[in-house]
N, C-alpha and C. Protein backbone atom coordinates (compact mmCIF):
# COMPACT_ATOMS: atom_id res chain seq x y z
N MET A 1 -0.51 7.03 25.09
CA MET A 1 -0.05 5.85 24.40
C MET A 1 -1.22 5.07 23.81
N LYS A 2 -2.32 4.99 24.57
CA LYS A 2 -3.48 4.25 24.08
C LYS A 2 -4.11 4.94 22.88
N THR A 3 -4.08 6.29 22.86
CA THR A 3 -4.66 7.00 21.72
C THR A 3 -3.87 6.73 20.45
N HIS A 4 -2.54 6.60 20.56
CA HIS A 4 -1.74 6.28 19.37
C HIS A 4 -2.10 4.89 18.86
N ASN A 5 -2.24 3.93 19.76
CA ASN A 5 -2.61 2.58 19.35
C ASN A 5 -3.98 2.56 18.70
N LEU A 6 -4.93 3.30 19.28
CA LEU A 6 -6.27 3.37 18.72
C LEU A 6 -6.24 4.03 17.35
N ALA A 7 -5.46 5.09 17.22
CA ALA A 7 -5.34 5.78 15.93
C ALA A 7 -4.72 4.87 14.89
N ASN A 8 -3.69 4.13 15.29
CA ASN A 8 -3.04 3.20 14.35
C ASN A 8 -4.02 2.14 13.90
N LEU A 9 -4.81 1.61 14.83
CA LEU A 9 -5.79 0.60 14.47
C LEU A 9 -6.84 1.15 13.52
N LYS A 10 -7.29 2.39 13.77
CA LYS A 10 -8.28 2.99 12.88
C LYS A 10 -7.71 3.18 11.49
N CYS A 11 -6.48 3.66 11.42
CA CYS A 11 -5.83 3.87 10.13
C CYS A 11 -5.64 2.54 9.40
N LEU A 12 -5.18 1.54 10.12
CA LEU A 12 -5.01 0.22 9.52
C LEU A 12 -6.35 -0.33 9.06
N ASN A 13 -7.41 -0.08 9.85
CA ASN A 13 -8.75 -0.50 9.47
C ASN A 13 -9.15 0.11 8.15
N GLN A 14 -8.88 1.41 7.98
CA GLN A 14 -9.24 2.10 6.74
C GLN A 14 -8.49 1.52 5.56
N ILE A 15 -7.21 1.26 5.75
CA ILE A 15 -6.41 0.70 4.66
C ILE A 15 -6.88 -0.72 4.34
N LEU A 16 -7.20 -1.49 5.37
CA LEU A 16 -7.71 -2.84 5.13
C LEU A 16 -9.05 -2.81 4.42
N GLN A 17 -9.89 -1.81 4.70
CA GLN A 17 -11.17 -1.68 4.00
C GLN A 17 -10.92 -1.41 2.52
N LEU A 18 -9.96 -0.52 2.22
CA LEU A 18 -9.60 -0.28 0.82
C LEU A 18 -9.05 -1.55 0.18
N ASN A 19 -8.29 -2.32 0.95
CA ASN A 19 -7.76 -3.58 0.46
C ASN A 19 -8.92 -4.52 0.09
N ASN A 20 -9.93 -4.61 0.94
CA ASN A 20 -11.09 -5.47 0.66
C ASN A 20 -11.83 -5.00 -0.59
N ILE A 21 -11.95 -3.69 -0.77
CA ILE A 21 -12.59 -3.16 -1.96
C ILE A 21 -11.82 -3.57 -3.20
N CYS A 22 -10.49 -3.45 -3.13
CA CYS A 22 -9.65 -3.83 -4.26
C CYS A 22 -9.83 -5.31 -4.60
N GLN A 23 -9.90 -6.15 -3.59
CA GLN A 23 -10.05 -7.58 -3.84
C GLN A 23 -11.41 -7.88 -4.47
N CYS A 24 -12.46 -7.15 -4.05
CA CYS A 24 -13.78 -7.35 -4.65
C CYS A 24 -13.77 -6.94 -6.12
N PHE A 25 -13.14 -5.80 -6.42
CA PHE A 25 -13.10 -5.34 -7.79
C PHE A 25 -12.23 -6.22 -8.66
N LEU A 26 -11.28 -6.91 -8.07
CA LEU A 26 -10.44 -7.82 -8.84
C LEU A 26 -11.29 -8.91 -9.48
N HIS A 27 -12.27 -9.39 -8.73
CA HIS A 27 -13.16 -10.42 -9.27
C HIS A 27 -14.06 -9.85 -10.37
N LEU A 28 -14.35 -8.57 -10.31
CA LEU A 28 -15.22 -7.95 -11.29
C LEU A 28 -14.48 -7.48 -12.54
N SER A 29 -13.19 -7.42 -12.48
CA SER A 29 -12.41 -6.86 -13.61
C SER A 29 -12.21 -7.92 -14.68
N VAL A 30 -13.21 -8.09 -15.49
CA VAL A 30 -13.18 -9.11 -16.54
C VAL A 30 -12.40 -8.61 -17.75
N SER A 31 -12.29 -7.30 -17.88
CA SER A 31 -11.67 -6.75 -19.08
C SER A 31 -10.16 -6.96 -19.13
N MET A 32 -9.55 -7.35 -18.03
CA MET A 32 -8.11 -7.59 -18.03
C MET A 32 -7.81 -8.94 -18.67
N LYS A 33 -6.88 -8.91 -19.61
CA LYS A 33 -6.53 -10.14 -20.32
C LYS A 33 -5.14 -10.60 -19.92
N ASP A 34 -4.95 -11.90 -19.90
CA ASP A 34 -3.65 -12.46 -19.57
C ASP A 34 -2.80 -12.57 -20.82
N GLU A 35 -1.52 -12.28 -20.67
CA GLU A 35 -0.56 -12.43 -21.75
C GLU A 35 0.66 -13.16 -21.21
N TYR A 36 1.33 -13.85 -22.08
CA TYR A 36 2.55 -14.55 -21.69
C TYR A 36 3.73 -13.90 -22.39
N ARG A 37 4.75 -13.56 -21.61
CA ARG A 37 5.91 -12.86 -22.15
C ARG A 37 7.19 -13.48 -21.61
N ASP A 38 8.29 -13.00 -22.13
CA ASP A 38 9.61 -13.45 -21.69
C ASP A 38 10.18 -12.49 -20.65
N ASN A 39 9.43 -12.15 -19.64
CA ASN A 39 9.88 -11.23 -18.60
C ASN A 39 10.20 -12.01 -17.34
N MET A 40 10.78 -11.31 -16.36
CA MET A 40 11.09 -11.95 -15.09
C MET A 40 9.78 -12.39 -14.41
N VAL A 41 9.86 -13.47 -13.67
CA VAL A 41 8.68 -14.03 -13.02
C VAL A 41 8.92 -14.05 -11.51
N ILE A 42 7.83 -13.77 -10.76
CA ILE A 42 7.92 -13.86 -9.30
C ILE A 42 6.83 -14.79 -8.81
N SER A 43 6.96 -15.20 -7.57
CA SER A 43 5.97 -16.11 -7.01
C SER A 43 4.62 -15.44 -6.81
N CYS A 44 4.60 -14.12 -6.71
CA CYS A 44 3.35 -13.38 -6.52
C CYS A 44 2.90 -12.83 -7.87
N GLY A 45 2.57 -13.71 -8.78
CA GLY A 45 2.26 -13.32 -10.15
C GLY A 45 1.05 -12.43 -10.30
N GLY A 46 0.14 -12.45 -9.37
CA GLY A 46 -1.07 -11.63 -9.46
C GLY A 46 -0.84 -10.17 -9.15
N MET A 47 0.36 -9.79 -8.77
CA MET A 47 0.63 -8.40 -8.39
C MET A 47 0.52 -7.46 -9.58
N LYS A 48 0.81 -7.92 -10.77
CA LYS A 48 0.66 -7.08 -11.96
C LYS A 48 -0.82 -6.73 -12.14
N LYS A 49 -1.68 -7.70 -11.91
CA LYS A 49 -3.12 -7.44 -12.00
C LYS A 49 -3.57 -6.47 -10.92
N MET A 50 -3.02 -6.60 -9.73
CA MET A 50 -3.38 -5.68 -8.66
C MET A 50 -2.93 -4.27 -9.01
N LYS A 51 -1.76 -4.11 -9.61
CA LYS A 51 -1.29 -2.79 -10.01
C LYS A 51 -2.21 -2.21 -11.08
N LEU A 52 -2.60 -3.03 -12.05
CA LEU A 52 -3.53 -2.57 -13.08
C LEU A 52 -4.86 -2.15 -12.47
N LEU A 53 -5.30 -2.90 -11.49
CA LEU A 53 -6.56 -2.58 -10.82
C LEU A 53 -6.46 -1.27 -10.05
N ILE A 54 -5.36 -1.07 -9.34
CA ILE A 54 -5.16 0.19 -8.61
C ILE A 54 -5.17 1.37 -9.58
N ASP A 55 -4.50 1.20 -10.71
CA ASP A 55 -4.46 2.27 -11.71
C ASP A 55 -5.84 2.50 -12.33
N LYS A 56 -6.51 1.41 -12.65
CA LYS A 56 -7.82 1.50 -13.31
C LYS A 56 -8.86 2.18 -12.40
N MET A 57 -8.79 1.89 -11.11
CA MET A 57 -9.76 2.46 -10.17
C MET A 57 -9.37 3.85 -9.70
N GLY A 58 -8.14 4.26 -9.92
CA GLY A 58 -7.70 5.58 -9.50
C GLY A 58 -7.50 5.72 -8.01
N ILE A 59 -7.12 4.63 -7.36
CA ILE A 59 -6.95 4.65 -5.91
C ILE A 59 -5.80 5.58 -5.50
N SER A 60 -4.73 5.57 -6.25
CA SER A 60 -3.59 6.44 -5.91
C SER A 60 -3.98 7.91 -5.99
N LYS A 61 -4.79 8.26 -6.99
CA LYS A 61 -5.26 9.65 -7.11
C LYS A 61 -6.13 10.02 -5.91
N LYS A 62 -6.96 9.07 -5.48
CA LYS A 62 -7.81 9.33 -4.31
C LYS A 62 -6.96 9.52 -3.06
N LEU A 63 -5.92 8.73 -2.92
CA LEU A 63 -5.02 8.89 -1.78
C LEU A 63 -4.32 10.25 -1.81
N LEU A 64 -3.98 10.72 -3.00
CA LEU A 64 -3.38 12.05 -3.12
C LEU A 64 -4.35 13.13 -2.66
N GLU A 65 -5.64 12.94 -2.95
CA GLU A 65 -6.67 13.90 -2.54
C GLU A 65 -6.81 13.95 -1.02
N LEU A 66 -6.49 12.85 -0.34
CA LEU A 66 -6.63 12.80 1.11
C LEU A 66 -5.58 13.65 1.83
N CYS A 67 -4.55 14.06 1.12
CA CYS A 67 -3.45 14.83 1.73
C CYS A 67 -2.87 14.10 2.93
N LEU A 68 -2.37 12.91 2.69
CA LEU A 68 -1.75 12.13 3.77
C LEU A 68 -0.56 12.89 4.32
N LEU A 69 -0.14 12.51 5.49
CA LEU A 69 0.98 13.19 6.15
C LEU A 69 2.26 13.04 5.34
N GLN A 70 2.88 14.15 5.05
CA GLN A 70 4.13 14.13 4.32
C GLN A 70 5.28 14.37 5.29
N SER A 71 6.34 13.65 5.07
CA SER A 71 7.51 13.82 5.91
C SER A 71 8.29 15.05 5.47
N LYS A 72 8.95 15.68 6.40
CA LYS A 72 9.73 16.87 6.08
C LYS A 72 11.17 16.52 5.73
N SER A 73 11.51 15.26 5.84
CA SER A 73 12.88 14.82 5.55
C SER A 73 13.12 14.79 4.04
N ASN A 74 14.31 15.15 3.64
CA ASN A 74 14.65 15.07 2.21
C ASN A 74 14.95 13.64 1.79
N ASN A 75 15.00 12.73 2.72
CA ASN A 75 15.28 11.33 2.45
C ASN A 75 14.03 10.46 2.61
N SER A 76 12.86 11.10 2.67
CA SER A 76 11.64 10.35 2.94
C SER A 76 11.12 9.64 1.68
N ILE A 77 10.32 8.64 1.92
CA ILE A 77 9.67 7.89 0.85
C ILE A 77 8.28 8.49 0.66
N ASP A 78 7.84 8.59 -0.59
CA ASP A 78 6.53 9.14 -0.91
C ASP A 78 5.44 8.37 -0.17
N GLU A 79 4.48 9.11 0.40
CA GLU A 79 3.44 8.47 1.21
C GLU A 79 2.57 7.50 0.40
N ILE A 80 2.37 7.76 -0.87
CA ILE A 80 1.60 6.83 -1.71
C ILE A 80 2.36 5.52 -1.85
N ASN A 81 3.67 5.60 -2.02
CA ASN A 81 4.49 4.38 -2.10
C ASN A 81 4.46 3.61 -0.78
N ILE A 82 4.41 4.33 0.34
CA ILE A 82 4.35 3.65 1.64
C ILE A 82 3.05 2.86 1.73
N VAL A 83 1.93 3.48 1.37
CA VAL A 83 0.63 2.80 1.46
C VAL A 83 0.58 1.64 0.47
N GLU A 84 1.02 1.86 -0.76
CA GLU A 84 1.00 0.78 -1.75
C GLU A 84 1.87 -0.40 -1.33
N SER A 85 3.07 -0.11 -0.83
CA SER A 85 3.94 -1.22 -0.43
C SER A 85 3.39 -1.93 0.80
N PHE A 86 2.67 -1.21 1.65
CA PHE A 86 2.01 -1.85 2.79
C PHE A 86 0.93 -2.80 2.29
N TRP A 87 0.11 -2.34 1.32
CA TRP A 87 -0.92 -3.22 0.74
C TRP A 87 -0.30 -4.46 0.14
N VAL A 88 0.76 -4.26 -0.65
CA VAL A 88 1.41 -5.40 -1.30
C VAL A 88 1.91 -6.39 -0.25
N GLY A 89 2.47 -5.87 0.84
CA GLY A 89 2.90 -6.75 1.92
C GLY A 89 1.76 -7.58 2.47
N ILE A 90 0.61 -6.95 2.66
CA ILE A 90 -0.57 -7.68 3.15
C ILE A 90 -1.02 -8.70 2.12
N TRP A 91 -1.06 -8.31 0.85
CA TRP A 91 -1.53 -9.20 -0.21
C TRP A 91 -0.67 -10.44 -0.35
N ILE A 92 0.63 -10.32 -0.07
CA ILE A 92 1.49 -11.50 -0.23
C ILE A 92 1.66 -12.28 1.08
N GLY A 93 0.97 -11.83 2.14
CA GLY A 93 0.94 -12.62 3.36
C GLY A 93 1.76 -12.12 4.52
N CYS A 94 2.25 -10.89 4.46
CA CYS A 94 2.99 -10.32 5.60
C CYS A 94 1.99 -9.92 6.68
N PHE A 95 2.16 -10.42 7.88
CA PHE A 95 1.23 -10.05 8.94
C PHE A 95 1.92 -9.33 10.09
N ARG A 96 3.18 -8.99 9.93
CA ARG A 96 3.93 -8.14 10.86
C ARG A 96 4.74 -7.14 10.05
N PHE A 97 5.00 -5.99 10.67
CA PHE A 97 5.80 -4.99 9.96
C PHE A 97 7.15 -5.56 9.56
N SER A 98 7.72 -6.40 10.41
CA SER A 98 9.04 -6.95 10.10
C SER A 98 9.02 -7.88 8.89
N HIS A 99 7.86 -8.46 8.59
CA HIS A 99 7.76 -9.37 7.44
C HIS A 99 7.78 -8.64 6.11
N THR A 100 7.56 -7.32 6.15
CA THR A 100 7.52 -6.56 4.90
C THR A 100 8.89 -6.43 4.25
N ALA A 101 9.92 -6.91 4.89
CA ALA A 101 11.26 -6.91 4.28
C ALA A 101 11.25 -7.72 2.99
N VAL A 102 10.34 -8.68 2.89
CA VAL A 102 10.21 -9.48 1.67
C VAL A 102 9.91 -8.57 0.48
N VAL A 103 9.04 -7.59 0.70
CA VAL A 103 8.68 -6.66 -0.37
C VAL A 103 9.89 -5.80 -0.76
N ARG A 104 10.67 -5.40 0.21
CA ARG A 104 11.84 -4.56 -0.06
C ARG A 104 12.87 -5.27 -0.92
N LEU A 105 12.97 -6.57 -0.77
CA LEU A 105 14.00 -7.32 -1.46
C LEU A 105 13.58 -7.81 -2.85
N ASP A 106 12.31 -7.62 -3.19
CA ASP A 106 11.80 -8.15 -4.45
C ASP A 106 11.90 -7.08 -5.54
N GLU A 107 12.86 -7.23 -6.42
CA GLU A 107 13.11 -6.25 -7.48
C GLU A 107 11.97 -6.21 -8.49
N VAL A 108 11.34 -7.35 -8.75
CA VAL A 108 10.24 -7.39 -9.71
C VAL A 108 9.05 -6.59 -9.20
N LEU A 109 8.71 -6.74 -7.92
CA LEU A 109 7.61 -5.94 -7.36
C LEU A 109 7.94 -4.45 -7.46
N ARG A 110 9.17 -4.11 -7.22
CA ARG A 110 9.59 -2.71 -7.32
C ARG A 110 9.38 -2.19 -8.74
N GLN A 111 9.68 -3.02 -9.73
CA GLN A 111 9.49 -2.61 -11.12
C GLN A 111 8.01 -2.52 -11.48
N ILE A 112 7.22 -3.49 -11.03
CA ILE A 112 5.79 -3.50 -11.34
C ILE A 112 5.12 -2.23 -10.82
N PHE A 113 5.41 -1.86 -9.59
CA PHE A 113 4.74 -0.72 -8.97
C PHE A 113 5.47 0.60 -9.20
N GLY A 114 6.65 0.55 -9.80
CA GLY A 114 7.38 1.76 -10.12
C GLY A 114 7.97 2.48 -8.91
N TRP A 115 8.34 1.72 -7.91
CA TRP A 115 8.91 2.32 -6.70
C TRP A 115 10.42 2.47 -6.88
N LYS A 116 10.93 3.63 -6.52
CA LYS A 116 12.38 3.80 -6.51
C LYS A 116 12.95 3.22 -5.22
N ARG A 117 12.23 3.44 -4.12
CA ARG A 117 12.61 2.89 -2.82
C ARG A 117 11.38 2.29 -2.18
N VAL A 118 11.57 1.25 -1.38
CA VAL A 118 10.45 0.59 -0.71
C VAL A 118 10.59 0.79 0.79
N ALA A 119 9.48 1.05 1.42
CA ALA A 119 9.46 1.31 2.87
C ALA A 119 9.85 0.07 3.66
N SER A 120 10.42 0.31 4.82
CA SER A 120 10.77 -0.78 5.73
C SER A 120 9.71 -0.88 6.82
N GLY A 121 9.81 -1.89 7.65
CA GLY A 121 8.88 -2.03 8.77
C GLY A 121 8.91 -0.82 9.69
N THR A 122 10.09 -0.28 9.91
CA THR A 122 10.23 0.91 10.74
C THR A 122 9.54 2.12 10.11
N THR A 123 9.64 2.23 8.79
CA THR A 123 8.97 3.33 8.09
C THR A 123 7.46 3.22 8.24
N PHE A 124 6.93 1.99 8.11
CA PHE A 124 5.49 1.79 8.29
C PHE A 124 5.05 2.20 9.69
N GLU A 125 5.81 1.75 10.69
CA GLU A 125 5.47 2.10 12.07
C GLU A 125 5.46 3.60 12.28
N SER A 126 6.48 4.28 11.79
CA SER A 126 6.56 5.74 11.94
C SER A 126 5.42 6.42 11.21
N PHE A 127 5.10 5.94 10.02
CA PHE A 127 4.04 6.54 9.22
C PHE A 127 2.68 6.42 9.93
N PHE A 128 2.36 5.23 10.41
CA PHE A 128 1.05 5.02 11.01
C PHE A 128 0.93 5.63 12.40
N LYS A 129 2.05 5.86 13.08
CA LYS A 129 2.00 6.52 14.38
C LYS A 129 1.58 7.98 14.26
N LYS A 130 1.74 8.55 13.08
CA LYS A 130 1.39 9.96 12.88
C LYS A 130 -0.12 10.19 12.86
N PHE A 131 -0.89 9.14 12.63
CA PHE A 131 -2.34 9.29 12.54
C PHE A 131 -2.95 9.35 13.93
N THR A 132 -3.56 10.46 14.24
CA THR A 132 -4.24 10.65 15.52
C THR A 132 -5.74 10.53 15.28
N PRO A 133 -6.54 10.35 16.33
CA PRO A 133 -8.00 10.32 16.15
C PRO A 133 -8.51 11.59 15.46
N TYR A 134 -7.93 12.74 15.81
CA TYR A 134 -8.36 14.00 15.19
C TYR A 134 -8.06 13.97 13.70
N LEU A 135 -6.86 13.53 13.32
CA LEU A 135 -6.49 13.49 11.92
C LEU A 135 -7.34 12.48 11.15
N ASN A 136 -7.62 11.33 11.74
CA ASN A 136 -8.48 10.34 11.10
C ASN A 136 -9.86 10.93 10.83
N HIS A 137 -10.39 11.63 11.82
CA HIS A 137 -11.71 12.26 11.67
C HIS A 137 -11.68 13.29 10.54
N TYR A 138 -10.61 14.08 10.51
CA TYR A 138 -10.45 15.11 9.48
C TYR A 138 -10.36 14.49 8.10
N LEU A 139 -9.60 13.42 7.95
CA LEU A 139 -9.44 12.77 6.66
C LEU A 139 -10.72 12.12 6.17
N LEU A 140 -11.52 11.61 7.08
CA LEU A 140 -12.76 10.94 6.70
C LEU A 140 -13.88 11.93 6.38
N ASN A 141 -13.78 13.13 6.90
CA ASN A 141 -14.84 14.13 6.65
C ASN A 141 -14.30 15.19 5.80
């Protein structure tokens, strides 16, 4: 049981490190210009910029290269979408898996990131429990 908790913490640490990198690059991304349009508005208006930054830096492609754990279920959510929706939850202030329901209910965030389905707190827990110390070591090397 302790190894699963340690593995989850290591995995969360890695994702949080990527989150910190994204936030640093956000300040450096001067080339992004603001535009005003007649589209739907959400309280987390900076999420469009975060999506542009993720795309510009190629983070999703890098995650694909890592060969994250894929579920064998035909009803599973893509692992890249799980990680992205987890980041978005952190960026908007969710500090528990149960708080990520806010992301699931926000249709505008779903459109911005192009998600067909958004992971739930239970999905996040199941996803991160799969990471073992051995797998973390393998992914990092």
